[in-house]
Amino acid sequence: MTKSPRPDGEGTSRLSRRTLFAGATTVGALAAAATVLPRVAEEAPAAEVKPAPVKGGGYSLTAHVKQYYQTTRI
């Protein structure tokens, strides 16, 4: 009987090249799936509602509104 080139106790690992590549493939597939799946967005806090002005003031004739009115004239 010929002797093994390895001493007893060494090389008895269950991790073979096939299981190493299978594990790496599984990890790669999971990473690809995680990047493709949509993310769950956190709810943004609700914007504070400003109270309505007591004496109007909701509409103001500003410079950009005046410019718009000038562009709509025929």
C-alpha atoms as a PDB file:
ATOM      1  CA  MET A   1       0.000   0.000   0.000  1.00  0.00           C
ATOM      2  CA  THR A   2       1.295   3.483  -0.866  1.00  0.00           C
ATOM      3  CA  LYS A   3       1.413   6.288   1.605  1.00  0.00           C
ATOM      4  CA  SER A   4      -0.658   9.400   1.141  1.00  0.00           C
ATOM      5  CA  PRO A   5       1.412  12.556   0.551  1.00  0.00           C
ATOM      6  CA  ARG A   6      -0.532  14.208   3.375  1.00  0.00           C
ATOM      7  CA  PRO A   7      -0.079  13.316   7.012  1.00  0.00           C
ATOM      8  CA  ASP A   8      -3.104  12.000   8.865  1.00  0.00           C
ATOM      9  CA  GLY A   9      -5.571  14.677   9.930  1.00  0.00           C
ATOM     10  CA  GLU A  10      -4.790  17.097   7.117  1.00  0.00           C
ATOM     11  CA  GLY A  11      -6.882  17.354   3.967  1.00  0.00           C
ATOM     12  CA  THR A  12      -9.971  15.814   5.482  1.00  0.00           C
ATOM     13  CA  SER A  13     -11.941  19.041   5.022  1.00  0.00           C
ATOM     14  CA  ARG A  14     -15.412  18.687   3.563  1.00  0.00           C
ATOM     15  CA  LEU A  15     -14.922  21.924   1.644  1.00  0.00           C
ATOM     16  CA  SER A  16     -14.246  20.842  -1.893  1.00  0.00           C
ATOM     17  CA  ARG A  17     -13.824  22.995  -4.958  1.00  0.00           C
ATOM     18  CA  ARG A  18     -17.343  22.104  -6.075  1.00  0.00           C
ATOM     19  CA  THR A  19     -18.988  23.238  -2.832  1.00  0.00           C
ATOM     20  CA  LEU A  20     -16.853  26.367  -2.775  1.00  0.00           C
ATOM     21  CA  PHE A  21     -18.028  27.382  -6.261  1.00  0.00           C
ATOM     22  CA  ALA A  22     -21.625  26.411  -5.464  1.00  0.00           C
ATOM     23  CA  GLY A  23     -21.545  28.636  -2.386  1.00  0.00           C
ATOM     24  CA  ALA A  24     -19.985  31.515  -4.307  1.00  0.00           C
ATOM     25  CA  THR A  25     -22.623  31.163  -7.021  1.00  0.00           C
ATOM     26  CA  THR A  26     -25.398  31.193  -4.429  1.00  0.00           C
ATOM     27  CA  VAL A  27     -23.998  34.323  -2.793  1.00  0.00           C
ATOM     28  CA  GLY A  28     -23.692  36.017  -6.186  1.00  0.00           C
ATOM     29  CA  ALA A  29     -27.271  35.132  -7.121  1.00  0.00           C
ATOM     30  CA  LEU A  30     -28.572  36.471  -3.806  1.00  0.00           C
ATOM     31  CA  ALA A  31     -26.609  39.699  -4.247  1.00  0.00           C
ATOM     32  CA  ALA A  32     -28.002  40.149  -7.774  1.00  0.00           C
ATOM     33  CA  ALA A  33     -31.546  39.484  -6.568  1.00  0.00           C
ATOM     34  CA  ALA A  34     -31.148  41.992  -3.737  1.00  0.00           C
ATOM     35  CA  THR A  35     -30.128  44.736  -6.155  1.00  0.00           C
ATOM     36  CA  VAL A  36     -33.043  44.037  -8.494  1.00  0.00           C
ATOM     37  CA  LEU A  37     -35.761  43.981  -5.836  1.00  0.00           C
ATOM     38  CA  PRO A  38     -37.486  47.314  -5.190  1.00  0.00           C
ATOM     39  CA  ARG A  39     -36.600  49.067  -1.996  1.00  0.00           C
ATOM     40  CA  VAL A  40     -39.176  49.977   0.582  1.00  0.00           C
ATOM     41  CA  ALA A  41     -39.088  53.716   0.997  1.00  0.00           C
ATOM     42  CA  GLU A  42     -39.531  55.139   4.440  1.00  0.00           C
ATOM     43  CA  GLU A  43     -42.514  57.378   4.893  1.00  0.00           C
ATOM     44  CA  ALA A  44     -41.592  61.019   4.749  1.00  0.00           C
ATOM     45  CA  PRO A  45     -42.899  63.088   7.620  1.00  0.00           C
ATOM     46  CA  ALA A  46     -46.062  64.957   6.694  1.00  0.00           C
ATOM     47  CA  ALA A  47     -45.553  68.580   5.768  1.00  0.00           C
ATOM     48  CA  GLU A  48     -46.900  71.017   8.306  1.00  0.00           C
ATOM     49  CA  VAL A  49     -50.103  72.633   7.144  1.00  0.00           C
ATOM     50  CA  LYS A  50     -49.976  76.390   7.472  1.00  0.00           C
ATOM     51  CA  PRO A  51     -53.137  78.020   8.767  1.00  0.00           C
ATOM     52  CA  ALA A  52     -55.092  80.126   6.263  1.00  0.00           C
ATOM     53  CA  PRO A  53     -54.449  83.859   6.513  1.00  0.00           C
ATOM     54  CA  VAL A  54     -57.163  85.765   8.346  1.00  0.00           C
ATOM     55  CA  LYS A  55     -57.378  88.699   5.927  1.00  0.00           C
ATOM     56  CA  GLY A  56     -56.799  86.955   2.609  1.00  0.00           C
ATOM     57  CA  GLY A  57     -53.245  87.051   1.387  1.00  0.00           C
ATOM     58  CA  GLY A  58     -53.391  83.673  -0.343  1.00  0.00           C
ATOM     59  CA  TYR A  59     -52.760  85.207  -3.763  1.00  0.00           C
ATOM     60  CA  SER A  60     -50.192  87.868  -4.471  1.00  0.00           C
ATOM     61  CA  LEU A  61     -49.364  89.498  -7.766  1.00  0.00           C
ATOM     62  CA  THR A  62     -45.621  88.955  -7.985  1.00  0.00           C
ATOM     63  CA  ALA A  63     -43.172  89.690 -10.783  1.00  0.00           C
ATOM     64  CA  HIS A  64     -43.251  86.168 -12.202  1.00  0.00           C
ATOM     65  CA  VAL A  65     -47.074  86.195 -12.240  1.00  0.00           C
ATOM     66  CA  LYS A  66     -47.060  89.523 -14.097  1.00  0.00           C
ATOM     67  CA  GLN A  67     -44.591  88.050 -16.609  1.00  0.00           C
ATOM     68  CA  TYR A  68     -46.927  85.104 -17.168  1.00  0.00           C
ATOM     69  CA  TYR A  69     -49.878  87.408 -17.756  1.00  0.00           C
ATOM     70  CA  GLN A  70     -47.872  89.324 -20.354  1.00  0.00           C
ATOM     71  CA  THR A  71     -47.034  86.127 -22.226  1.00  0.00           C
ATOM     72  CA  THR A  72     -50.707  85.119 -22.443  1.00  0.00           C
ATOM     73  CA  ARG A  73     -51.847  88.351 -24.119  1.00  0.00           C
ATOM     74  CA  ILE A  74     -52.763  88.079 -27.767  1.00  0.00           C
END
